[in-house]
Protein backbone atom coordinates (compact mmCIF):
# COMPACT_ATOMS: atom_id res chain seq x y z
CA UNK A 1 -135.48 -67.03 97.62
CA UNK A 2 -135.73 -70.03 100.30
CA UNK A 3 -139.24 -69.33 101.35
CA UNK A 4 -141.29 -70.99 98.26
CA UNK A 5 -138.91 -74.22 97.95
CA UNK A 6 -138.89 -74.70 101.85
CA UNK A 7 -142.89 -74.46 102.01
CA UNK A 8 -143.22 -76.86 98.96
CA UNK A 9 -140.76 -79.31 100.50
CA UNK A 10 -142.18 -79.11 104.01
CA UNK A 11 -146.06 -79.43 102.46
CA UNK A 12 -145.00 -82.56 100.41
CA UNK A 13 -143.54 -83.95 103.63
CA UNK A 14 -146.46 -83.35 105.66
CA UNK A 15 -148.79 -84.85 103.08
CA UNK A 16 -146.40 -88.06 102.90
CA UNK A 17 -146.65 -88.20 106.81
CA UNK A 18 -150.20 -87.96 106.77
CA UNK A 19 -150.53 -90.88 104.28
CA UNK A 20 -148.33 -93.07 106.34
CA UNK A 21 -150.35 -92.38 109.18
CA UNK A 22 -153.44 -93.04 107.34
CA UNK A 23 -152.37 -96.34 106.50
CA UNK A 24 -150.75 -97.26 110.08
CA UNK A 25 -154.32 -96.35 111.67
CA UNK A 26 -156.52 -98.74 109.65
CA UNK A 27 -154.96 -102.14 110.49
CA UNK A 28 -157.39 -102.73 113.23
CA UNK A 29 -160.76 -103.26 111.54
CA UNK A 30 -158.87 -105.39 108.80
CA UNK A 31 -157.44 -107.61 111.67
CA UNK A 32 -161.10 -107.52 113.12
CA UNK A 33 -162.73 -108.65 110.07
CA UNK A 34 -160.02 -111.52 109.25
CA UNK A 35 -160.78 -112.99 112.67
CA UNK A 36 -164.64 -113.07 111.89
CA UNK A 37 -163.89 -114.71 108.65
CA UNK A 38 -161.51 -117.33 110.41
CA UNK A 39 -164.32 -118.33 113.11
CA UNK A 40 -166.97 -118.12 110.37
CA UNK A 41 -165.06 -120.81 108.40
CA UNK A 42 -164.54 -123.03 111.54
CA UNK A 43 -168.40 -122.70 112.19
CA UNK A 44 -169.21 -123.75 108.60
CA UNK A 45 -167.23 -126.77 108.98
CA UNK A 46 -168.64 -127.92 112.42
CA UNK A 47 -172.25 -127.11 111.10
CA UNK A 48 -171.46 -129.68 108.13
CA UNK A 49 -170.76 -132.40 110.52
CA UNK A 50 -173.33 -131.26 112.89
CA UNK A 51 -175.97 -131.40 110.07
CA UNK A 52 -174.74 -134.85 109.17
CA UNK A 53 -175.21 -136.34 112.70
CA UNK A 54 -171.68 -136.02 114.19
CA UNK A 55 -172.02 -135.88 117.79
CA UNK A 56 -168.59 -134.69 118.60
CA UNK A 57 -168.83 -131.72 116.14
CA UNK A 58 -172.34 -130.96 117.31
CA UNK A 59 -170.89 -130.47 121.04
CA UNK A 60 -168.20 -128.35 119.69
CA UNK A 61 -170.40 -125.93 117.95
CA UNK A 62 -171.72 -123.41 120.98
CA UNK A 63 -168.12 -122.32 121.99
CA UNK A 64 -167.32 -121.44 118.34
CA UNK A 65 -170.41 -119.73 117.77
CA UNK A 66 -170.15 -117.64 121.12
CA UNK A 67 -166.50 -116.82 119.97
CA UNK A 68 -167.84 -115.82 116.55
CA UNK A 69 -170.38 -113.48 118.38
CA UNK A 70 -167.67 -111.55 120.23
CA UNK A 71 -165.33 -111.29 117.09
CA UNK A 72 -168.46 -109.69 115.22
CA UNK A 73 -168.87 -107.34 118.06
CA UNK A 74 -165.37 -106.61 118.22
CA UNK A 75 -165.31 -105.99 114.35
CA UNK A 76 -168.55 -103.79 114.57
CA UNK A 77 -167.01 -101.52 116.94
CA UNK A 78 -163.84 -101.28 115.07
CA UNK A 79 -165.46 -100.41 111.94
CA UNK A 80 -167.90 -97.99 113.38
CA UNK A 81 -164.84 -95.99 114.74
CA UNK A 82 -162.91 -96.28 111.47
CA UNK A 83 -162.70 -92.99 109.67
CA UNK A 84 -163.33 -92.84 106.10
CA UNK A 85 -165.50 -96.02 105.76
CA UNK A 86 -168.15 -95.36 102.99
CA UNK A 87 -172.12 -95.49 103.25
CA UNK A 88 -172.13 -98.66 101.13
CA UNK A 89 -169.36 -100.38 103.30
CA UNK A 90 -171.23 -99.72 106.47
CA UNK A 91 -174.64 -101.11 104.63
CA UNK A 92 -172.50 -104.23 103.71
CA UNK A 93 -171.47 -104.94 107.14
CA UNK A 94 -174.93 -104.45 108.60
CA UNK A 95 -176.24 -106.73 106.03
CA UNK A 96 -173.63 -109.50 107.15
CA UNK A 97 -174.46 -109.08 110.58
CA UNK A 98 -178.19 -109.78 109.90
CA UNK A 99 -177.37 -112.75 107.44
CA UNK A 100 -175.43 -114.04 110.34
CA UNK A 101 -178.14 -114.11 112.80
CA UNK A 102 -180.61 -115.57 110.44
CA UNK A 103 -178.08 -118.29 109.43
CA UNK A 104 -177.09 -119.28 112.67
CA UNK A 105 -180.56 -119.74 113.96
CA UNK A 106 -181.20 -122.12 110.89
CA UNK A 107 -178.12 -124.06 111.66
CA UNK A 108 -179.23 -124.48 115.39
CA UNK A 109 -182.70 -125.51 114.39
CA UNK A 110 -181.33 -128.00 111.86
CA UNK A 111 -183.31 -126.21 109.37
CA UNK A 112 -180.47 -126.49 106.59
CA UNK A 113 -179.35 -129.49 104.44
CA UNK A 114 -175.56 -129.59 104.71
CA UNK A 115 -175.10 -128.55 101.01
CA UNK A 116 -177.24 -125.30 101.99
CA UNK A 117 -175.15 -124.72 104.97
CA UNK A 118 -171.99 -124.73 102.93
CA UNK A 119 -173.56 -122.44 100.38
CA UNK A 120 -174.92 -119.86 102.73
CA UNK A 121 -171.94 -119.70 104.93
CA UNK A 122 -169.66 -119.37 102.11
CA UNK A 123 -171.68 -116.57 100.55
CA UNK A 124 -171.65 -114.67 103.67
CA UNK A 125 -167.74 -115.18 104.29
CA UNK A 126 -167.23 -113.89 100.37
CA UNK A 127 -169.22 -110.66 101.27
CA UNK A 128 -167.01 -109.89 104.30
CA UNK A 129 -163.86 -110.50 102.34
CA UNK A 130 -165.20 -108.17 99.63
CA UNK A 131 -165.62 -105.49 102.26
CA UNK A 132 -162.34 -106.27 103.24
CA UNK A 133 -160.95 -105.79 99.83
CA UNK A 134 -162.91 -102.59 99.76
CA UNK A 135 -161.54 -101.23 102.90
CA UNK A 136 -158.05 -101.96 101.48
CA UNK A 137 -158.79 -99.55 98.60
CA UNK A 138 -160.36 -97.02 100.94
CA UNK A 139 -157.42 -96.83 103.23
CA UNK A 140 -154.80 -96.95 100.28
CA UNK A 141 -153.21 -99.93 101.36
CA UNK A 142 -153.31 -101.55 97.82
CA UNK A 143 -151.35 -98.66 96.45
CA UNK A 144 -148.46 -98.60 99.18
CA UNK A 145 -145.50 -96.96 97.25
CA UNK A 146 -143.04 -99.10 99.18
CA UNK A 147 -141.88 -102.50 97.73
CA UNK A 148 -141.49 -104.45 100.99
CA UNK A 149 -144.90 -103.14 102.67
CA UNK A 150 -146.70 -103.34 99.36
CA UNK A 151 -146.00 -107.03 99.04
CA UNK A 152 -146.56 -107.73 102.63
CA UNK A 153 -149.86 -106.13 101.97
CA UNK A 154 -150.71 -108.43 99.02
CA UNK A 155 -149.51 -111.45 100.90
CA UNK A 156 -151.14 -110.90 104.23
CA UNK A 157 -154.42 -109.26 103.40
CA UNK A 158 -155.45 -110.60 100.17
CA UNK A 159 -153.61 -113.84 99.16
CA UNK A 160 -153.30 -115.65 102.73
CA UNK A 161 -156.93 -114.79 103.49
CA UNK A 162 -158.24 -116.41 100.10
CA UNK A 163 -155.93 -119.58 100.73
CA UNK A 164 -157.71 -119.91 104.48
CA UNK A 165 -161.02 -119.41 102.75
CA UNK A 166 -160.31 -122.29 100.43
CA UNK A 167 -158.65 -124.68 103.11
CA UNK A 168 -161.97 -123.85 105.05
CA UNK A 169 -164.16 -125.07 102.21
CA UNK A 170 -162.08 -128.25 101.82
CA UNK A 171 -162.34 -128.65 105.85
CA UNK A 172 -166.31 -128.50 105.34
CA UNK A 173 -166.47 -130.75 102.45
CA UNK A 174 -164.12 -133.40 103.76
CA UNK A 175 -165.82 -133.34 107.28
CA UNK A 176 -169.19 -134.05 105.56
CA UNK A 177 -167.72 -136.70 103.27
CA UNK A 178 -166.32 -138.65 106.25
CA UNK A 179 -169.48 -137.88 108.34
CA UNK A 180 -171.34 -139.91 105.95
CA UNK A 181 -168.57 -142.49 104.94
CA UNK A 182 -169.46 -141.73 101.54
CA UNK A 183 -167.34 -140.22 98.56
CA UNK A 184 -169.78 -139.58 95.76
CA UNK A 185 -168.66 -138.69 92.19
CA UNK A 186 -169.74 -135.10 92.73
CA UNK A 187 -168.05 -134.74 95.84
CA UNK A 188 -164.79 -136.06 94.56
CA UNK A 189 -164.91 -133.75 91.76
CA UNK A 190 -165.40 -130.81 94.15
CA UNK A 191 -162.56 -132.11 96.28
CA UNK A 192 -160.19 -132.47 93.39
CA UNK A 193 -161.10 -128.81 92.27
CA UNK A 194 -160.62 -127.65 95.83
CA UNK A 195 -157.11 -129.40 95.96
CA UNK A 196 -156.29 -127.71 92.69
CA UNK A 197 -157.21 -124.05 93.90
CA UNK A 198 -155.41 -124.44 97.22
CA UNK A 199 -152.29 -125.64 95.63
CA UNK A 200 -152.59 -122.59 93.36
CA UNK A 201 -153.08 -120.16 96.26
CA UNK A 202 -150.45 -121.75 98.23
CA UNK A 203 -147.90 -121.08 95.43
CA UNK A 204 -149.33 -117.37 95.21
CA UNK A 205 -149.27 -116.91 98.79
CA UNK A 206 -145.63 -118.32 99.43
CA UNK A 207 -144.16 -116.21 96.19
CA UNK A 208 -145.65 -113.06 97.79
CA UNK A 209 -144.44 -113.71 101.35
CA UNK A 210 -140.94 -114.82 99.71
CA UNK A 211 -140.55 -111.32 97.75
CA UNK A 212 -141.28 -109.48 100.97
CA UNK A 213 -138.57 -111.68 102.83
CA UNK A 214 -135.98 -110.97 99.98
CA UNK A 215 -136.59 -107.18 100.04
CA UNK A 216 -136.79 -106.72 103.71
CA UNK A 217 -134.32 -108.03 106.14
CA UNK A 218 -136.49 -106.96 108.90
CA UNK A 219 -139.45 -108.89 107.57
CA UNK A 220 -136.98 -112.13 106.89
CA UNK A 221 -136.01 -112.12 110.38
CA UNK A 222 -139.22 -112.23 111.98
CA UNK A 223 -141.13 -114.25 109.50
CA UNK A 224 -138.99 -116.66 107.58
CA UNK A 225 -138.97 -119.66 110.21
CA UNK A 226 -142.99 -119.35 110.94
CA UNK A 227 -143.54 -119.45 106.78
CA UNK A 228 -141.55 -122.72 106.36
CA UNK A 229 -143.58 -124.26 109.41
CA UNK A 230 -146.78 -123.17 107.88
CA UNK A 231 -145.92 -124.48 104.32
CA UNK A 232 -145.13 -127.99 106.06
CA UNK A 233 -148.40 -128.04 107.67
CA UNK A 234 -150.26 -127.08 104.66
CA UNK A 235 -148.55 -129.94 102.58
CA UNK A 236 -149.17 -132.39 105.41
CA UNK A 237 -153.19 -131.27 105.22
CA UNK A 238 -153.12 -131.81 101.73
CA UNK A 239 -151.55 -135.18 101.95
CA UNK A 240 -154.28 -136.29 104.50
CA UNK A 241 -156.85 -135.26 101.86
CA UNK A 242 -155.17 -137.40 99.21
CA UNK A 243 -154.45 -140.39 101.18
CA UNK A 244 -157.58 -140.65 103.44
CA UNK A 245 -160.18 -139.30 101.18
CA UNK A 246 -159.38 -139.23 97.81
CA UNK A 247 -157.19 -142.43 97.23
CA UNK A 248 -158.53 -144.27 100.43
CA UNK A 249 -160.54 -147.77 99.53
CA UNK A 250 -162.83 -147.25 102.43
CA UNK A 251 -163.49 -143.93 104.67
CA UNK A 252 -162.01 -144.90 108.20
CA UNK A 253 -160.90 -141.39 109.18
CA UNK A 254 -162.98 -139.86 111.94
CA UNK A 255 -164.41 -136.52 110.56
CA UNK A 256 -163.62 -135.12 114.07
CA UNK A 257 -159.62 -135.80 113.62
CA UNK A 258 -159.97 -134.65 110.22
CA UNK A 259 -161.77 -131.30 111.14
CA UNK A 260 -159.32 -130.88 113.92
CA UNK A 261 -156.06 -131.41 111.54
CA UNK A 262 -157.56 -129.00 109.07
CA UNK A 263 -158.49 -126.60 111.96
CA UNK A 264 -154.90 -126.80 113.44
CA UNK A 265 -153.55 -126.02 109.89
CA UNK A 266 -155.97 -123.02 109.15
CA UNK A 267 -155.31 -121.67 112.86
CA UNK A 268 -151.60 -121.63 112.07
CA UNK A 269 -152.15 -119.86 108.88
CA UNK A 270 -154.04 -117.28 110.86
CA UNK A 271 -151.63 -117.09 113.48
CA UNK A 272 -148.96 -116.72 111.14
CA UNK A 273 -150.93 -114.06 109.31
CA UNK A 274 -151.56 -112.30 112.26
CA UNK A 275 -147.97 -111.91 112.90
CA UNK A 276 -147.34 -110.79 109.22
CA UNK A 277 -149.91 -108.02 109.88
CA UNK A 278 -148.27 -107.06 113.10
CA UNK A 279 -144.93 -106.79 111.26
CA UNK A 280 -146.77 -104.72 108.74
CA UNK A 281 -148.28 -102.28 111.28
CA UNK A 282 -144.92 -101.86 112.90
CA UNK A 283 -143.31 -100.94 109.57
CA UNK A 284 -145.97 -98.34 108.81
CA UNK A 285 -145.59 -96.77 112.26
CA UNK A 286 -142.08 -96.79 111.96
CA UNK A 287 -142.10 -95.12 108.49
CA UNK A 288 -144.22 -92.56 110.13
CA UNK A 289 -141.74 -91.92 112.89
CA UNK A 290 -138.78 -91.85 110.34
CA UNK A 291 -140.58 -89.42 108.00
CA UNK A 292 -141.36 -87.06 110.93
CA UNK A 293 -137.53 -87.22 112.04
CA UNK A 294 -136.52 -86.67 108.57
CA UNK A 295 -138.53 -83.51 108.31
CA UNK A 296 -137.42 -82.41 111.75
CA UNK A 297 -133.53 -82.76 110.55
CA UNK A 298 -134.20 -80.85 107.31
CA UNK A 299 -136.09 -78.11 109.02
CA UNK A 300 -133.01 -77.96 111.33
CA UNK A 301 -130.67 -77.64 108.59
CA UNK A 302 -132.70 -75.03 106.59
CA UNK A 303 -132.85 -73.03 109.77
CA UNK A 304 -128.92 -73.38 110.24
CA UNK A 305 -128.50 -72.48 106.48
CA UNK A 306 -131.11 -69.35 106.94
CA UNK A 307 -129.16 -68.33 109.88
CA UNK A 308 -125.64 -68.79 108.32
CA UNK A 309 -126.45 -66.96 105.13
CA UNK A 310 -128.08 -64.17 107.12
CA UNK A 311 -124.83 -63.71 108.96
CA UNK A 312 -122.58 -63.72 105.83
CA UNK A 313 -124.93 -61.09 104.10
CA UNK A 314 -124.61 -58.96 107.34
CA UNK A 315 -121.01 -59.04 107.11
CA UNK A 316 -120.90 -58.70 103.49
CA UNK A 317 -123.41 -55.66 103.54
CA UNK A 318 -121.28 -54.02 106.61
CA UNK A 319 -118.02 -54.51 104.59
CA UNK A 320 -119.35 -52.31 102.05
CA UNK A 321 -121.38 -49.72 104.28
CA UNK A 322 -118.88 -49.19 106.88
CA UNK A 323 -116.30 -47.95 104.54
CA UNK A 324 -118.84 -45.80 102.61
CA UNK A 325 -119.76 -44.25 105.82
């Protein structure tokens, strides 16, 4: 009577533990890809200024290029070691690495116009972000069954990277405008569209993180303060765009200063997001431990119940068989 329900319970529990462990082990490739995207965004902005003749940004490119190369190598190792990755995803990553090699060579040789550099960088970043989203589905993170971790997955692995990308495009566009000292009607329209999109993404990201903090006291304790600081930095960066580019009668702000301000903001976003992903990783690992402990205690309770019922049955049988004997 107890064997079948016990087997079913243990079987389901082991499956749940396997799924939780599956999620917990998949954070490393996603973190590595996010780092690649972050540094490629920086390289895009620096390349925009370099191709427009900014000497300070030209000198700043080699260290960023080298750091990006190391990040790509780290991501390559993590993806190669990652289980469950599909052949299509492997091919997408291989193509991204080849595209980067060609693009870096073209930027170094000044073979691209600034607008071409932005477009090619942005296309490459988009392909890596699509790979990241595909891995989210492959690893089952987008269908996480718990409200707190599901909201944190959306906030840290979907909304925040997209916000960082649009801030990166705004950094590149603004750097190019300030490098030439000219705001054309086309450039102004692009910047206005970026302002609107960044504001929308900032709202989506903030709402996702706010919901996460509401449903989880642990996440609230770790992330509440840094989130408020980050929101203030993003607001200040957007005010800089409005004051020194969009509403400025004369473009006096140095391109390097604008670039550095936006870089600090984007770096703060990724630093916070790394902290959030660390909290997510710990939560997933804690879930595995909690499930294992629950299974252990239930198994002990079932064993104790089985022993008790066996002793009771034995006493009952003896109470009949001994008088009969």
